[in-house]
PDB file of N, CA and C in Angstrom:
ATOM      1  N   MET A   1      -2.575  -9.192  17.244  1.00  0.00           N
ATOM      2  CA  MET A   1      -1.972  -9.151  15.928  1.00  0.00           C
ATOM      3  C   MET A   1      -2.793  -8.222  15.044  1.00  0.00           C
ATOM      4  N   LYS A   2      -2.084  -7.421  14.263  1.00  0.00           N
ATOM      5  CA  LYS A   2      -2.721  -6.539  13.299  1.00  0.00           C
ATOM      6  C   LYS A   2      -2.718  -7.226  11.939  1.00  0.00           C
ATOM      7  N   TYR A   3      -3.788  -7.030  11.204  1.00  0.00           N
ATOM      8  CA  TYR A   3      -3.918  -7.552   9.846  1.00  0.00           C
ATOM      9  C   TYR A   3      -4.069  -6.346   8.924  1.00  0.00           C
ATOM     10  N   LEU A   4      -3.020  -6.052   8.182  1.00  0.00           N
ATOM     11  CA  LEU A   4      -2.975  -4.848   7.368  1.00  0.00           C
ATOM     12  C   LEU A   4      -2.772  -5.159   5.896  1.00  0.00           C
ATOM     13  N   ALA A   5      -3.272  -4.259   5.074  1.00  0.00           N
ATOM     14  CA  ALA A   5      -3.067  -4.368   3.630  1.00  0.00           C
ATOM     15  C   ALA A   5      -2.528  -3.046   3.118  1.00  0.00           C
ATOM     16  N   ILE A   6      -1.598  -3.136   2.216  1.00  0.00           N
ATOM     17  CA  ILE A   6      -1.121  -1.958   1.492  1.00  0.00           C
ATOM     18  C   ILE A   6      -1.943  -1.901   0.211  1.00  0.00           C
ATOM     19  N   ASP A   7      -2.627  -0.796   0.025  1.00  0.00           N
ATOM     20  CA  ASP A   7      -3.365  -0.600  -1.229  1.00  0.00           C
ATOM     21  C   ASP A   7      -3.428   0.883  -1.557  1.00  0.00           C
ATOM     22  N   ALA A   8      -3.683   1.175  -2.816  1.00  0.00           N
ATOM     23  CA  ALA A   8      -3.667   2.557  -3.292  1.00  0.00           C
ATOM     24  C   ALA A   8      -5.046   3.028  -3.716  1.00  0.00           C
ATOM     25  N   SER A   9      -6.077   2.567  -3.043  1.00  0.00           N
ATOM     26  CA  SER A   9      -7.429   3.006  -3.380  1.00  0.00           C
ATOM     27  C   SER A   9      -7.540   4.518  -3.276  1.00  0.00           C
ATOM     28  N   LEU A  10      -8.255   5.110  -4.197  1.00  0.00           N
ATOM     29  CA  LEU A  10      -8.455   6.555  -4.172  1.00  0.00           C
ATOM     30  C   LEU A  10      -9.071   6.960  -2.836  1.00  0.00           C
ATOM     31  N   GLY A  11      -8.544   8.008  -2.259  1.00  0.00           N
ATOM     32  CA  GLY A  11      -9.059   8.502  -0.991  1.00  0.00           C
ATOM     33  C   GLY A  11      -8.521   7.775   0.219  1.00  0.00           C
ATOM     34  N   GLY A  12      -7.722   6.737   0.003  1.00  0.00           N
ATOM     35  CA  GLY A  12      -7.170   5.969   1.114  1.00  0.00           C
ATOM     36  C   GLY A  12      -5.835   6.537   1.577  1.00  0.00           C
ATOM     37  N   THR A  13      -5.306   5.925   2.619  1.00  0.00           N
ATOM     38  CA  THR A  13      -4.019   6.353   3.179  1.00  0.00           C
ATOM     39  C   THR A  13      -2.876   5.456   2.729  1.00  0.00           C
ATOM     40  N   GLY A  14      -3.207   4.374   2.043  1.00  0.00           N
ATOM     41  CA  GLY A  14      -2.203   3.411   1.615  1.00  0.00           C
ATOM     42  C   GLY A  14      -2.118   2.200   2.518  1.00  0.00           C
ATOM     43  N   ILE A  15      -2.689   2.315   3.737  1.00  0.00           N
ATOM     44  CA  ILE A  15      -2.683   1.201   4.683  1.00  0.00           C
ATOM     45  C   ILE A  15      -4.108   0.985   5.170  1.00  0.00           C
ATOM     46  N   ARG A  16      -4.585  -0.238   4.988  1.00  0.00           N
ATOM     47  CA  ARG A  16      -5.974  -0.562   5.339  1.00  0.00           C
ATOM     48  C   ARG A  16      -5.981  -1.673   6.380  1.00  0.00           C
ATOM     49  N   ASP A  17      -6.877  -1.543   7.348  1.00  0.00           N
ATOM     50  CA  ASP A  17      -7.128  -2.616   8.306  1.00  0.00           C
ATOM     51  C   ASP A  17      -7.975  -3.656   7.575  1.00  0.00           C
ATOM     52  N   MET A  18      -7.468  -4.865   7.442  1.00  0.00           N
ATOM     53  CA  MET A  18      -8.152  -5.880   6.620  1.00  0.00           C
ATOM     54  C   MET A  18      -9.472  -6.335   7.233  1.00  0.00           C
ATOM     55  N   TYR A  19      -9.653  -6.166   8.536  1.00  0.00           N
ATOM     56  CA  TYR A  19     -10.895  -6.628   9.147  1.00  0.00           C
ATOM     57  C   TYR A  19     -11.928  -5.527   9.298  1.00  0.00           C
ATOM     58  N   SER A  20     -11.524  -4.355   9.736  1.00  0.00           N
ATOM     59  CA  SER A  20     -12.506  -3.279   9.880  1.00  0.00           C
ATOM     60  C   SER A  20     -12.757  -2.578   8.550  1.00  0.00           C
ATOM     61  N   GLY A  21     -11.797  -2.711   7.630  1.00  0.00           N
ATOM     62  CA  GLY A  21     -11.955  -2.090   6.315  1.00  0.00           C
ATOM     63  C   GLY A  21     -11.566  -0.630   6.287  1.00  0.00           C
ATOM     64  N   GLY A  22     -11.303  -0.040   7.442  1.00  0.00           N
ATOM     65  CA  GLY A  22     -10.942   1.363   7.497  1.00  0.00           C
ATOM     66  C   GLY A  22      -9.471   1.585   7.186  1.00  0.00           C
ATOM     67  N   TYR A  23      -9.168   2.817   6.839  1.00  0.00           N
ATOM     68  CA  TYR A  23      -7.782   3.169   6.540  1.00  0.00           C
ATOM     69  C   TYR A  23      -7.092   3.701   7.783  1.00  0.00           C
ATOM     70  N   ILE A  24      -5.796   3.455   7.856  1.00  0.00           N
ATOM     71  CA  ILE A  24      -4.978   3.847   8.999  1.00  0.00           C
ATOM     72  C   ILE A  24      -3.928   4.840   8.519  1.00  0.00           C
ATOM     73  N   ASP A  25      -3.788   5.922   9.242  1.00  0.00           N
ATOM     74  CA  ASP A  25      -2.736   6.893   8.941  1.00  0.00           C
ATOM     75  C   ASP A  25      -1.400   6.257   9.302  1.00  0.00           C
ATOM     76  N   PRO A  26      -0.429   6.267   8.388  1.00  0.00           N
ATOM     77  CA  PRO A  26       0.872   5.679   8.698  1.00  0.00           C
ATOM     78  C   PRO A  26       1.491   6.243   9.983  1.00  0.00           C
ATOM     79  N   LYS A  27       1.209   7.502  10.289  1.00  0.00           N
ATOM     80  CA  LYS A  27       1.746   8.105  11.510  1.00  0.00           C
ATOM     81  C   LYS A  27       1.171   7.443  12.753  1.00  0.00           C
ATOM     82  N   ASP A  28      -0.068   6.958  12.682  1.00  0.00           N
ATOM     83  CA  ASP A  28      -0.684   6.284  13.823  1.00  0.00           C
ATOM     84  C   ASP A  28      -0.005   4.946  14.124  1.00  0.00           C
ATOM     85  N   LEU A  29       0.656   4.378  13.132  1.00  0.00           N
ATOM     86  CA  LEU A  29       1.389   3.130  13.333  1.00  0.00           C
ATOM     87  C   LEU A  29       2.834   3.386  13.775  1.00  0.00           C
ATOM     88  N   LEU A  30       3.170   4.668  13.878  1.00  0.00           N
ATOM     89  CA  LEU A  30       4.525   5.076  14.263  1.00  0.00           C
ATOM     90  C   LEU A  30       5.584   4.554  13.289  1.00  0.00           C
ATOM     91  N   LEU A  31       5.221   4.566  12.004  1.00  0.00           N
ATOM     92  CA  LEU A  31       6.181   4.183  10.975  1.00  0.00           C
ATOM     93  C   LEU A  31       7.226   5.276  10.823  1.00  0.00           C
ATOM     94  N   SER A  32       8.379   4.898  10.357  1.00  0.00           N
ATOM     95  CA  SER A  32       9.443   5.878  10.163  1.00  0.00           C
ATOM     96  C   SER A  32       9.008   6.915   9.131  1.00  0.00           C
ATOM     97  N   PRO A  33       9.543   8.125   9.254  1.00  0.00           N
ATOM     98  CA  PRO A  33       9.226   9.159   8.258  1.00  0.00           C
ATOM     99  C   PRO A  33       9.601   8.734   6.840  1.00  0.00           C
ATOM    100  N   VAL A  34      10.655   7.957   6.701  1.00  0.00           N
ATOM    101  CA  VAL A  34      11.073   7.499   5.362  1.00  0.00           C
ATOM    102  C   VAL A  34       9.961   6.665   4.728  1.00  0.00           C
ATOM    103  N   ILE A  35       9.438   5.709   5.467  1.00  0.00           N
ATOM    104  CA  ILE A  35       8.370   4.855   4.920  1.00  0.00           C
ATOM    105  C   ILE A  35       7.088   5.653   4.726  1.00  0.00           C
ATOM    106  N   SER A  36       6.746   6.505   5.681  1.00  0.00           N
ATOM    107  CA  SER A  36       5.535   7.327   5.540  1.00  0.00           C
ATOM    108  C   SER A  36       5.598   8.194   4.292  1.00  0.00           C
ATOM    109  N   ASN A  37       6.754   8.801   4.034  1.00  0.00           N
ATOM    110  CA  ASN A  37       6.912   9.628   2.834  1.00  0.00           C
ATOM    111  C   ASN A  37       6.880   8.787   1.570  1.00  0.00           C
ATOM    112  N   TYR A  38       7.473   7.592   1.629  1.00  0.00           N
ATOM    113  CA  TYR A  38       7.466   6.680   0.486  1.00  0.00           C
ATOM    114  C   TYR A  38       6.028   6.305   0.134  1.00  0.00           C
ATOM    115  N   ILE A  39       5.219   6.029   1.153  1.00  0.00           N
ATOM    116  CA  ILE A  39       3.815   5.689   0.922  1.00  0.00           C
ATOM    117  C   ILE A  39       3.084   6.848   0.253  1.00  0.00           C
ATOM    118  N   GLN A  40       3.289   8.070   0.743  1.00  0.00           N
ATOM    119  CA  GLN A  40       2.607   9.232   0.171  1.00  0.00           C
ATOM    120  C   GLN A  40       2.990   9.447  -1.293  1.00  0.00           C
ATOM    121  N   ASP A  41       4.272   9.316  -1.587  1.00  0.00           N
ATOM    122  CA  ASP A  41       4.745   9.478  -2.965  1.00  0.00           C
ATOM    123  C   ASP A  41       4.152   8.391  -3.867  1.00  0.00           C
ATOM    124  N   TRP A  42       4.171   7.161  -3.373  1.00  0.00           N
ATOM    125  CA  TRP A  42       3.620   6.030  -4.141  1.00  0.00           C
ATOM    126  C   TRP A  42       2.128   6.223  -4.393  1.00  0.00           C
ATOM    127  N   LEU A  43       1.372   6.652  -3.365  1.00  0.00           N
ATOM    128  CA  LEU A  43      -0.064   6.896  -3.536  1.00  0.00           C
ATOM    129  C   LEU A  43      -0.317   7.948  -4.609  1.00  0.00           C
ATOM    130  N   HIS A  44       0.459   9.012  -4.578  1.00  0.00           N
ATOM    131  CA  HIS A  44       0.292  10.085  -5.566  1.00  0.00           C
ATOM    132  C   HIS A  44       0.487   9.548  -6.987  1.00  0.00           C
ATOM    133  N   ARG A  45       1.551   8.781  -7.183  1.00  0.00           N
ATOM    134  CA  ARG A  45       1.822   8.239  -8.517  1.00  0.00           C
ATOM    135  C   ARG A  45       0.786   7.189  -8.922  1.00  0.00           C
ATOM    136  N   TYR A  46       0.319   6.391  -7.963  1.00  0.00           N
ATOM    137  CA  TYR A  46      -0.711   5.381  -8.268  1.00  0.00           C
ATOM    138  C   TYR A  46      -2.013   6.080  -8.653  1.00  0.00           C
ATOM    139  N   ASN A  47      -2.348   7.168  -7.955  1.00  0.00           N
ATOM    140  CA  ASN A  47      -3.564   7.923  -8.301  1.00  0.00           C
ATOM    141  C   ASN A  47      -3.471   8.507  -9.706  1.00  0.00           C
ATOM    142  N   GLU A  48      -2.288   9.004 -10.059  1.00  0.00           N
ATOM    143  CA  GLU A  48      -2.107   9.516 -11.427  1.00  0.00           C
ATOM    144  C   GLU A  48      -2.341   8.412 -12.453  1.00  0.00           C
ATOM    145  N   ALA A  49      -1.829   7.229 -12.181  1.00  0.00           N
ATOM    146  CA  ALA A  49      -2.040   6.094 -13.090  1.00  0.00           C
ATOM    147  C   ALA A  49      -3.520   5.729 -13.153  1.00  0.00           C
ATOM    148  N   HIS A  50      -4.204   5.812 -12.025  1.00  0.00           N
ATOM    149  CA  HIS A  50      -5.649   5.522 -11.999  1.00  0.00           C
ATOM    150  C   HIS A  50      -6.401   6.495 -12.907  1.00  0.00           C
ATOM    151  N   TYR A  51      -6.105   7.800 -12.758  1.00  0.00           N
ATOM    152  CA  TYR A  51      -6.798   8.810 -13.568  1.00  0.00           C
ATOM    153  C   TYR A  51      -6.443   8.686 -15.046  1.00  0.00           C
ATOM    154  N   ASP A  52      -5.340   8.010 -15.338  1.00  0.00           N
ATOM    155  CA  ASP A  52      -4.955   7.736 -16.724  1.00  0.00           C
ATOM    156  C   ASP A  52      -5.569   6.425 -17.207  1.00  0.00           C
ATOM    157  N   GLY A  53      -6.411   5.815 -16.373  1.00  0.00           N
ATOM    158  CA  GLY A  53      -7.080   4.580 -16.758  1.00  0.00           C
ATOM    159  C   GLY A  53      -6.175   3.357 -16.714  1.00  0.00           C
ATOM    160  N   PHE A  54      -5.082   3.433 -15.970  1.00  0.00           N
ATOM    161  CA  PHE A  54      -4.106   2.345 -15.907  1.00  0.00           C
ATOM    162  C   PHE A  54      -3.721   1.884 -17.316  1.00  0.00           C
ATOM    163  N   SER A  55      -3.562   2.871 -18.200  1.00  0.00           N
ATOM    164  CA  SER A  55      -3.296   2.552 -19.609  1.00  0.00           C
ATOM    165  C   SER A  55      -1.873   2.075 -19.872  1.00  0.00           C
ATOM    166  N   ASP A  56      -0.926   2.458 -19.032  1.00  0.00           N
ATOM    167  CA  ASP A  56       0.470   2.056 -19.224  1.00  0.00           C
ATOM    168  C   ASP A  56       0.778   0.904 -18.272  1.00  0.00           C
ATOM    169  N   GLN A  57       0.801  -0.301 -18.810  1.00  0.00           N
ATOM    170  CA  GLN A  57       1.008  -1.490 -17.982  1.00  0.00           C
ATOM    171  C   GLN A  57       2.397  -1.543 -17.361  1.00  0.00           C
ATOM    172  N   GLN A  58       3.366  -0.925 -17.991  1.00  0.00           N
ATOM    173  CA  GLN A  58       4.712  -0.869 -17.418  1.00  0.00           C
ATOM    174  C   GLN A  58       4.698  -0.061 -16.116  1.00  0.00           C
ATOM    175  N   ILE A  59       4.001   1.059 -16.124  1.00  0.00           N
ATOM    176  CA  ILE A  59       3.885   1.884 -14.915  1.00  0.00           C
ATOM    177  C   ILE A  59       3.139   1.120 -13.832  1.00  0.00           C
ATOM    178  N   VAL A  60       2.057   0.450 -14.200  1.00  0.00           N
ATOM    179  CA  VAL A  60       1.290  -0.342 -13.230  1.00  0.00           C
ATOM    180  C   VAL A  60       2.184  -1.409 -12.608  1.00  0.00           C
ATOM    181  N   GLN A  61       2.961  -2.085 -13.412  1.00  0.00           N
ATOM    182  CA  GLN A  61       3.856  -3.126 -12.913  1.00  0.00           C
ATOM    183  C   GLN A  61       4.872  -2.540 -11.928  1.00  0.00           C
ATOM    184  N   GLU A  62       5.440  -1.387 -12.275  1.00  0.00           N
ATOM    185  CA  GLU A  62       6.411  -0.737 -11.388  1.00  0.00           C
ATOM    186  C   GLU A  62       5.760  -0.299 -10.082  1.00  0.00           C
ATOM    187  N   LEU A  63       4.559   0.264 -10.157  1.00  0.00           N
ATOM    188  CA  LEU A  63       3.851   0.702  -8.952  1.00  0.00           C
ATOM    189  C   LEU A  63       3.499  -0.478  -8.057  1.00  0.00           C
ATOM    190  N   ASP A  64       3.079  -1.579  -8.653  1.00  0.00           N
ATOM    191  CA  ASP A  64       2.756  -2.765  -7.855  1.00  0.00           C
ATOM    192  C   ASP A  64       4.010  -3.350  -7.208  1.00  0.00           C
ATOM    193  N   LEU A  65       5.115  -3.311  -7.903  1.00  0.00           N
ATOM    194  CA  LEU A  65       6.383  -3.767  -7.314  1.00  0.00           C
ATOM    195  C   LEU A  65       6.739  -2.887  -6.109  1.00  0.00           C
ATOM    196  N   GLU A  66       6.589  -1.584  -6.266  1.00  0.00           N
ATOM    197  CA  GLU A  66       6.862  -0.671  -5.152  1.00  0.00           C
ATOM    198  C   GLU A  66       5.894  -0.914  -3.996  1.00  0.00           C
ATOM    199  N   GLY A  67       4.639  -1.190  -4.301  1.00  0.00           N
ATOM    200  CA  GLY A  67       3.656  -1.463  -3.259  1.00  0.00           C
ATOM    201  C   GLY A  67       4.039  -2.694  -2.447  1.00  0.00           C
ATOM    202  N   ARG A  68       4.531  -3.713  -3.113  1.00  0.00           N
ATOM    203  CA  ARG A  68       5.004  -4.907  -2.406  1.00  0.00           C
ATOM    204  C   ARG A  68       6.213  -4.565  -1.528  1.00  0.00           C
ATOM    205  N   GLU A  69       7.121  -3.749  -2.064  1.00  0.00           N
ATOM    206  CA  GLU A  69       8.281  -3.322  -1.279  1.00  0.00           C
ATOM    207  C   GLU A  69       7.845  -2.559  -0.028  1.00  0.00           C
ATOM    208  N   ILE A  70       6.837  -1.713  -0.178  1.00  0.00           N
ATOM    209  CA  ILE A  70       6.299  -0.975   0.969  1.00  0.00           C
ATOM    210  C   ILE A  70       5.722  -1.950   1.984  1.00  0.00           C
ATOM    211  N   ALA A  71       4.985  -2.941   1.521  1.00  0.00           N
ATOM    212  CA  ALA A  71       4.401  -3.928   2.431  1.00  0.00           C
ATOM    213  C   ALA A  71       5.482  -4.638   3.233  1.00  0.00           C
ATOM    214  N   TYR A  72       6.558  -5.040   2.574  1.00  0.00           N
ATOM    215  CA  TYR A  72       7.667  -5.693   3.283  1.00  0.00           C
ATOM    216  C   TYR A  72       8.325  -4.728   4.276  1.00  0.00           C
ATOM    217  N   ALA A  73       8.475  -3.476   3.901  1.00  0.00           N
ATOM    218  CA  ALA A  73       9.098  -2.488   4.787  1.00  0.00           C
ATOM    219  C   ALA A  73       8.232  -2.227   6.013  1.00  0.00           C
ATOM    220  N   VAL A  74       6.915  -2.123   5.817  1.00  0.00           N
ATOM    221  CA  VAL A  74       6.000  -1.914   6.943  1.00  0.00           C
ATOM    222  C   VAL A  74       6.045  -3.121   7.865  1.00  0.00           C
ATOM    223  N   LYS A  75       6.014  -4.294   7.284  1.00  0.00           N
ATOM    224  CA  LYS A  75       6.060  -5.522   8.086  1.00  0.00           C
ATOM    225  C   LYS A  75       7.352  -5.585   8.903  1.00  0.00           C
ATOM    226  N   ALA A  76       8.449  -5.141   8.335  1.00  0.00           N
ATOM    227  CA  ALA A  76       9.730  -5.170   9.040  1.00  0.00           C
ATOM    228  C   ALA A  76       9.760  -4.194  10.218  1.00  0.00           C
ATOM    229  N   GLU A  77       9.000  -3.098  10.117  1.00  0.00           N
ATOM    230  CA  GLU A  77       8.994  -2.105  11.188  1.00  0.00           C
ATOM    231  C   GLU A  77       8.003  -2.413  12.300  1.00  0.00           C
ATOM    232  N   LEU A  78       6.974  -3.179  11.995  1.00  0.00           N
ATOM    233  CA  LEU A  78       5.938  -3.449  12.991  1.00  0.00           C
ATOM    234  C   LEU A  78       6.103  -4.839  13.593  1.00  0.00           C
ATOM    235  N   VAL A  79       5.641  -4.969  14.796  1.00  0.00           N
ATOM    236  CA  VAL A  79       5.683  -6.255  15.498  1.00  0.00           C
ATOM    237  C   VAL A  79       4.292  -6.864  15.458  1.00  0.00           C
ATOM    238  N   ASP A  80       4.249  -8.186  15.289  1.00  0.00           N
ATOM    239  CA  ASP A  80       2.984  -8.909  15.356  1.00  0.00           C
ATOM    240  C   ASP A  80       1.967  -8.400  14.323  1.00  0.00           C
ATOM    241  N   VAL A  81       2.353  -8.481  13.047  1.00  0.00           N
ATOM    242  CA  VAL A  81       1.489  -8.003  11.972  1.00  0.00           C
ATOM    243  C   VAL A  81       1.474  -9.003  10.822  1.00  0.00           C
ATOM    244  N   LYS A  82       0.325  -9.182  10.239  1.00  0.00           N
ATOM    245  CA  LYS A  82       0.160  -9.946   8.999  1.00  0.00           C
ATOM    246  C   LYS A  82      -0.095  -8.916   7.911  1.00  0.00           C
ATOM    247  N   MET A  83       0.570  -9.088   6.772  1.00  0.00           N
ATOM    248  CA  MET A  83       0.465  -8.109   5.689  1.00  0.00           C
ATOM    249  C   MET A  83      -0.013  -8.765   4.405  1.00  0.00           C
ATOM    250  N   GLU A  84      -0.712  -7.951   3.619  1.00  0.00           N
ATOM    251  CA  GLU A  84      -0.997  -8.331   2.244  1.00  0.00           C
ATOM    252  C   GLU A  84      -0.862  -7.085   1.388  1.00  0.00           C
ATOM    253  N   TYR A  85      -0.683  -7.323   0.105  1.00  0.00           N
ATOM    254  CA  TYR A  85      -0.644  -6.228  -0.863  1.00  0.00           C
ATOM    255  C   TYR A  85      -1.840  -6.395  -1.776  1.00  0.00           C
ATOM    256  N   PHE A  86      -2.536  -5.285  -2.034  1.00  0.00           N
ATOM    257  CA  PHE A  86      -3.670  -5.304  -2.948  1.00  0.00           C
ATOM    258  C   PHE A  86      -3.384  -4.379  -4.113  1.00  0.00           C
ATOM    259  N   SER A  87      -3.400  -4.937  -5.315  1.00  0.00           N
ATOM    260  CA  SER A  87      -3.204  -4.144  -6.530  1.00  0.00           C
ATOM    261  C   SER A  87      -4.552  -3.601  -6.971  1.00  0.00           C
ATOM    262  N   ASP A  88      -4.720  -2.294  -6.841  1.00  0.00           N
ATOM    263  CA  ASP A  88      -5.976  -1.673  -7.274  1.00  0.00           C
ATOM    264  C   ASP A  88      -6.140  -1.733  -8.785  1.00  0.00           C
ATOM    265  N   ALA A  89      -5.041  -1.689  -9.509  1.00  0.00           N
ATOM    266  CA  ALA A  89      -5.103  -1.735 -10.968  1.00  0.00           C
ATOM    267  C   ALA A  89      -5.562  -3.098 -11.457  1.00  0.00           C
ATOM    268  N   LYS A  90      -5.059  -4.168 -10.822  1.00  0.00           N
ATOM    269  CA  LYS A  90      -5.369  -5.524 -11.262  1.00  0.00           C
ATOM    270  C   LYS A  90      -6.453  -6.190 -10.420  1.00  0.00           C
ATOM    271  N   MET A  91      -6.819  -5.532  -9.302  1.00  0.00           N
ATOM    272  CA  MET A  91      -7.819  -6.083  -8.372  1.00  0.00           C
ATOM    273  C   MET A  91      -7.398  -7.471  -7.892  1.00  0.00           C
ATOM    274  N   GLU A  92      -6.118  -7.593  -7.503  1.00  0.00           N
ATOM    275  CA  GLU A  92      -5.559  -8.844  -7.008  1.00  0.00           C
ATOM    276  C   GLU A  92      -4.887  -8.598  -5.676  1.00  0.00           C
ATOM    277  N   LYS A  93      -5.003  -9.590  -4.785  1.00  0.00           N
ATOM    278  CA  LYS A  93      -4.302  -9.476  -3.505  1.00  0.00           C
ATOM    279  C   LYS A  93      -3.248 -10.565  -3.396  1.00  0.00           C
ATOM    280  N   GLU A  94      -2.252 -10.264  -2.562  1.00  0.00           N
ATOM    281  CA  GLU A  94      -1.114 -11.165  -2.397  1.00  0.00           C
ATOM    282  C   GLU A  94      -0.660 -11.117  -0.938  1.00  0.00           C
ATOM    283  N   ASN A  95      -0.493 -12.269  -0.328  1.00  0.00           N
ATOM    284  CA  ASN A  95       0.038 -12.310   1.043  1.00  0.00           C
ATOM    285  C   ASN A  95       1.511 -11.966   1.027  1.00  0.00           C
ATOM    286  N   ILE A  96       1.926 -11.213   2.033  1.00  0.00           N
ATOM    287  CA  ILE A  96       3.330 -10.827   2.191  1.00  0.00           C
ATOM    288  C   ILE A  96       3.872 -11.607   3.366  1.00  0.00           C
ATOM    289  N   ASP A  97       4.734 -12.567   3.074  1.00  0.00           N
ATOM    290  CA  ASP A  97       5.278 -13.422   4.145  1.00  0.00           C
ATOM    291  C   ASP A  97       6.634 -12.973   4.583  1.00  0.00           C
TER     292      ASP A  97
END
C-alpha cells in the first residue's frame, strides 16, 4: 500500500510519500495526463498565493478545495493507496477517505 499526500510545498511535485518524505513525480505513478496537468496548474497557482503571503483567504480556500479534489482523483486512479491532503497555507492535514 502506498501512503501519499497531496501538498503544494514550494519545490515539490504536489505528491509526497508520507513515510519517506520525498516527492513523487506524477508521471512515475502513471497518472493520467489530465490529472498530471491539473496538479501542475494547481501548484503554479498555489506558489503564486504563497509568494503573495497567502493574503487572499478566498484564493487559499479555493486552492485547498482543488487540492482535495486532486487527492480524490489520484486516489480513484491508483490501487491500494491511502491519501491525505496537506494545506500549506493553513498547515493542516486531512485524511481523504
